[in-house]
Every structure is written in C-alpha cells, then in structure tokens.
Amino acid sequence: MYLEGTASPEILRKLEALEQLGRGILPALDGIADQLAASSATSNKKLDDLGQKVGKIMLNEQQELDLLATLDRTTTAIGANVSVIATVNQTISDELDALLLKQQAEGVSQAILDATKALADKSQAAATALEAQIPVLQGIASKGAANPVPVPVPPVPVVE
C-alpha cells in the first residue's frame, strides 16, 4: 500500500475501501455507456422502421393523429429517461469530484488520483452529452413547432 507505515490502520482501511470503490465504478460507467449506445441504436432503428412504414401506408386523418400522439408520448418518455440518466451521471461526477478532494487531503498516490479524475471526467462527459439531447427531444415533442431544435452536426472524422 502507498502509505504503509506512515498512516494509521483506520486511514489505510478507508483508503483501501476508496480504491475498491474506484475499481467498481469504472465498469459500471462503461456498462451504462454500452446500454445507452444499444438503446440509442435500437431507438434509431425503430424510428427508421416507423418512418418507412408511414411512407408506405396510406393513413386516414384519425390514424395519423393517433400515430402522432403515440410518437409524442414516446418522445416525451425518452426525454424524461434521458434527463434522469443525465442527472444520475452528474451526481456520480460530483461525488467523484468530492472523493478526489478527500483523496488529495489524505495523501493518496497520484495514480489513484489520476484514475479517480478520469472516472469523474468520463461521468461528466456522459452527463453533458445526455443533457445536449434533452432540448432536441423537447423540440421534437413540442406540438405545432415550426422548427424543432436541430440535431447538432457531428464533427468531421479525421483520417490519418
């Protein structure tokens, strides 16, 4: 251990618990990111399929209104879920920032500080990305909107 012989057993136990916590958070964040990616891909596929079906099927006015109401409810629900996930990621990021300050005060090794900071940065990036999706979903869900909030254009990939 990095502080053996210089710190009390209680501090060493607490630091060991913090290290274990840090090792457990990274896989959880990676799992959340994987779930979000899979959910997004599934949602995009469903929307594409729905768009193709709407283009092929002639609907009467009531059927169109029913379909639009379903789309509105679904988009609103997705927006609410994305908002909750963004809030959770922000809370994790804030708690990791607080943990980082405690670790610095306890004299934890730079490697552990760097790992904690990387986790905090990853969680903050996920929260920021999700928060950016909320106004887009709100724009889509708003009825009668002449111009919903545009989806940001992704950056051009750099080919090396």
Protein backbone atom coordinates (compact mmCIF):
# COMPACT_ATOMS: atom_id res chain seq x y z
CA MET A 1 0.00 0.00 0.00
CA TYR A 2 1.21 3.51 -0.77
CA LEU A 3 1.03 4.85 2.83
CA GLU A 4 2.00 1.74 4.83
CA GLY A 5 3.99 2.63 7.91
CA THR A 6 3.03 6.33 7.70
CA ALA A 7 -0.73 6.25 8.26
CA SER A 8 -2.98 4.80 10.92
CA PRO A 9 -4.68 1.45 10.25
CA GLU A 10 -8.04 3.23 10.13
CA ILE A 11 -6.87 5.56 7.34
CA LEU A 12 -5.35 2.62 5.49
CA ARG A 13 -8.68 0.73 5.71
CA LYS A 14 -10.57 3.78 4.43
CA LEU A 15 -8.15 4.28 1.57
CA GLU A 16 -8.41 0.62 0.63
CA ALA A 17 -12.21 0.94 0.60
CA LEU A 18 -11.90 4.02 -1.64
CA GLU A 19 -9.66 2.11 -4.02
CA GLN A 20 -12.18 -0.73 -4.22
CA LEU A 21 -14.96 1.79 -4.84
CA GLY A 22 -12.97 3.33 -7.68
CA ARG A 23 -12.36 -0.09 -9.24
CA GLY A 24 -16.09 -0.82 -9.07
CA ILE A 25 -17.29 2.47 -10.59
CA LEU A 26 -15.43 2.24 -13.90
CA PRO A 27 -17.12 -0.99 -15.07
CA ALA A 28 -20.48 0.43 -14.00
CA LEU A 29 -19.92 3.59 -16.07
CA ASP A 30 -18.77 1.52 -19.02
CA GLY A 31 -21.90 -0.61 -18.65
CA ILE A 32 -24.12 2.48 -18.62
CA ALA A 33 -22.38 3.80 -21.73
CA ASP A 34 -22.87 0.46 -23.51
CA GLN A 35 -26.56 0.37 -22.53
CA LEU A 36 -27.08 3.92 -23.76
CA ALA A 37 -25.41 3.13 -27.08
CA ALA A 38 -27.51 -0.01 -27.53
CA SER A 39 -30.70 1.82 -26.54
CA SER A 40 -29.92 4.66 -28.94
CA ALA A 41 -29.25 2.24 -31.80
CA THR A 42 -32.50 0.39 -31.08
CA SER A 43 -34.48 3.64 -30.90
CA ASN A 44 -32.99 4.87 -34.17
CA LYS A 45 -33.82 1.56 -35.85
CA LYS A 46 -37.42 1.70 -34.57
CA LEU A 47 -37.81 5.29 -35.78
CA ASP A 48 -36.36 4.38 -39.19
CA ASP A 49 -38.71 1.40 -39.45
CA LEU A 50 -41.65 3.55 -38.43
CA GLY A 51 -40.72 6.20 -40.99
CA GLN A 52 -40.59 3.58 -43.75
CA LYS A 53 -43.96 2.16 -42.71
CA VAL A 54 -45.58 5.60 -42.63
CA GLY A 55 -44.27 6.27 -46.13
CA LYS A 56 -45.73 3.02 -47.45
CA ILE A 57 -49.10 3.04 -45.72
CA MET A 58 -51.90 5.41 -46.55
CA LEU A 59 -53.44 6.55 -43.28
CA ASN A 60 -56.65 8.40 -42.67
CA GLU A 61 -56.59 11.57 -40.58
CA GLN A 62 -57.53 9.86 -37.31
CA GLN A 63 -54.86 7.20 -37.77
CA GLU A 64 -52.28 9.93 -38.41
CA LEU A 65 -53.38 11.81 -35.29
CA ASP A 66 -53.19 8.60 -33.23
CA LEU A 67 -49.73 7.85 -34.61
CA LEU A 68 -48.54 11.39 -33.88
CA ALA A 69 -49.91 11.15 -30.32
CA THR A 70 -48.01 7.88 -29.83
CA LEU A 71 -44.83 9.46 -31.17
CA ASP A 72 -45.34 12.44 -28.86
CA ARG A 73 -45.78 10.20 -25.79
CA THR A 74 -42.78 8.08 -26.73
CA THR A 75 -40.53 11.07 -27.38
CA THR A 76 -41.60 12.69 -24.10
CA ALA A 77 -40.87 9.45 -22.22
CA ILE A 78 -37.45 9.13 -23.87
CA GLY A 79 -36.69 12.74 -22.93
CA ALA A 80 -37.66 12.09 -19.31
CA ASN A 81 -35.49 8.97 -19.17
CA VAL A 82 -32.52 10.77 -20.74
CA SER A 83 -32.96 13.57 -18.21
CA VAL A 84 -32.90 11.13 -15.28
CA ILE A 85 -29.80 9.37 -16.63
CA ALA A 86 -28.06 12.73 -17.14
CA THR A 87 -28.89 13.71 -13.55
CA VAL A 88 -27.52 10.41 -12.22
CA ASN A 89 -24.31 10.82 -14.24
CA GLN A 90 -23.94 14.39 -12.96
CA THR A 91 -24.40 13.18 -9.37
CA ILE A 92 -21.76 10.48 -9.89
CA SER A 93 -19.41 13.08 -11.35
CA ASP A 94 -19.99 15.43 -8.40
CA GLU A 95 -19.40 12.64 -5.89
CA LEU A 96 -16.22 11.59 -7.68
CA ASP A 97 -15.01 15.21 -7.56
CA ALA A 98 -15.65 15.24 -3.79
CA LEU A 99 -13.87 11.89 -3.45
CA LEU A 100 -10.91 13.29 -5.38
CA LEU A 101 -10.63 16.19 -2.92
CA LYS A 102 -10.74 13.77 0.03
CA GLN A 103 -8.12 11.57 -1.59
CA GLN A 104 -5.84 14.56 -2.14
CA ALA A 105 -6.24 15.57 1.51
CA GLU A 106 -5.41 12.02 2.64
CA GLY A 107 -2.24 11.90 0.56
CA VAL A 108 -3.39 9.19 -1.85
CA SER A 109 -0.93 8.27 -4.62
CA GLN A 110 -1.01 10.20 -7.89
CA ALA A 111 -2.01 7.06 -9.81
CA ILE A 112 -5.20 6.71 -7.77
CA LEU A 113 -5.87 10.46 -8.03
CA ASP A 114 -5.48 10.23 -11.81
CA ALA A 115 -7.81 7.22 -12.00
CA THR A 116 -10.45 8.99 -9.90
CA LYS A 117 -10.13 12.12 -12.05
CA ALA A 118 -10.53 10.04 -15.22
CA LEU A 119 -13.71 8.48 -13.82
CA ALA A 120 -15.08 11.91 -12.90
CA ASP A 121 -14.27 13.26 -16.37
CA LYS A 122 -15.92 10.28 -18.06
CA SER A 123 -19.09 10.66 -16.00
CA GLN A 124 -19.19 14.42 -16.63
CA ALA A 125 -18.79 13.86 -20.39
CA ALA A 126 -21.67 11.37 -20.39
CA ALA A 127 -23.88 13.78 -18.42
CA THR A 128 -23.04 16.64 -20.79
CA ALA A 129 -23.77 14.55 -23.88
CA LEU A 130 -27.11 13.43 -22.47
CA GLU A 131 -28.08 16.94 -21.41
CA ALA A 132 -27.49 18.09 -25.00
CA GLN A 133 -30.09 15.58 -26.21
CA ILE A 134 -32.86 16.87 -23.94
CA PRO A 135 -33.67 20.08 -25.88
CA VAL A 136 -33.64 18.10 -29.13
CA LEU A 137 -36.23 15.67 -27.75
CA GLN A 138 -38.25 18.55 -26.32
CA GLY A 139 -38.23 20.21 -29.72
CA ILE A 140 -39.43 17.04 -31.41
CA ALA A 141 -42.13 16.51 -28.80
CA SER A 142 -43.42 20.09 -28.90
CA LYS A 143 -46.66 20.19 -30.84
CA GLY A 144 -47.02 22.64 -33.67
CA ALA A 145 -43.39 23.63 -33.58
CA ALA A 146 -42.48 25.08 -36.95
CA ASN A 147 -38.78 24.32 -36.50
CA PRO A 148 -37.76 21.86 -33.77
CA VAL A 149 -34.34 22.22 -32.26
CA PRO A 150 -31.89 20.93 -34.89
CA VAL A 151 -29.70 17.95 -34.16
CA PRO A 152 -26.07 19.12 -33.97
CA VAL A 153 -23.93 18.04 -36.91
CA PRO A 154 -21.31 15.53 -35.76
CA PRO A 155 -17.67 16.58 -36.21
CA VAL A 156 -15.95 15.52 -39.40
CA PRO A 157 -13.78 12.47 -38.74
CA VAL A 158 -10.07 12.99 -39.16
CA VAL A 159 -8.44 10.45 -41.43
CA GLU A 160 -4.77 9.90 -40.78
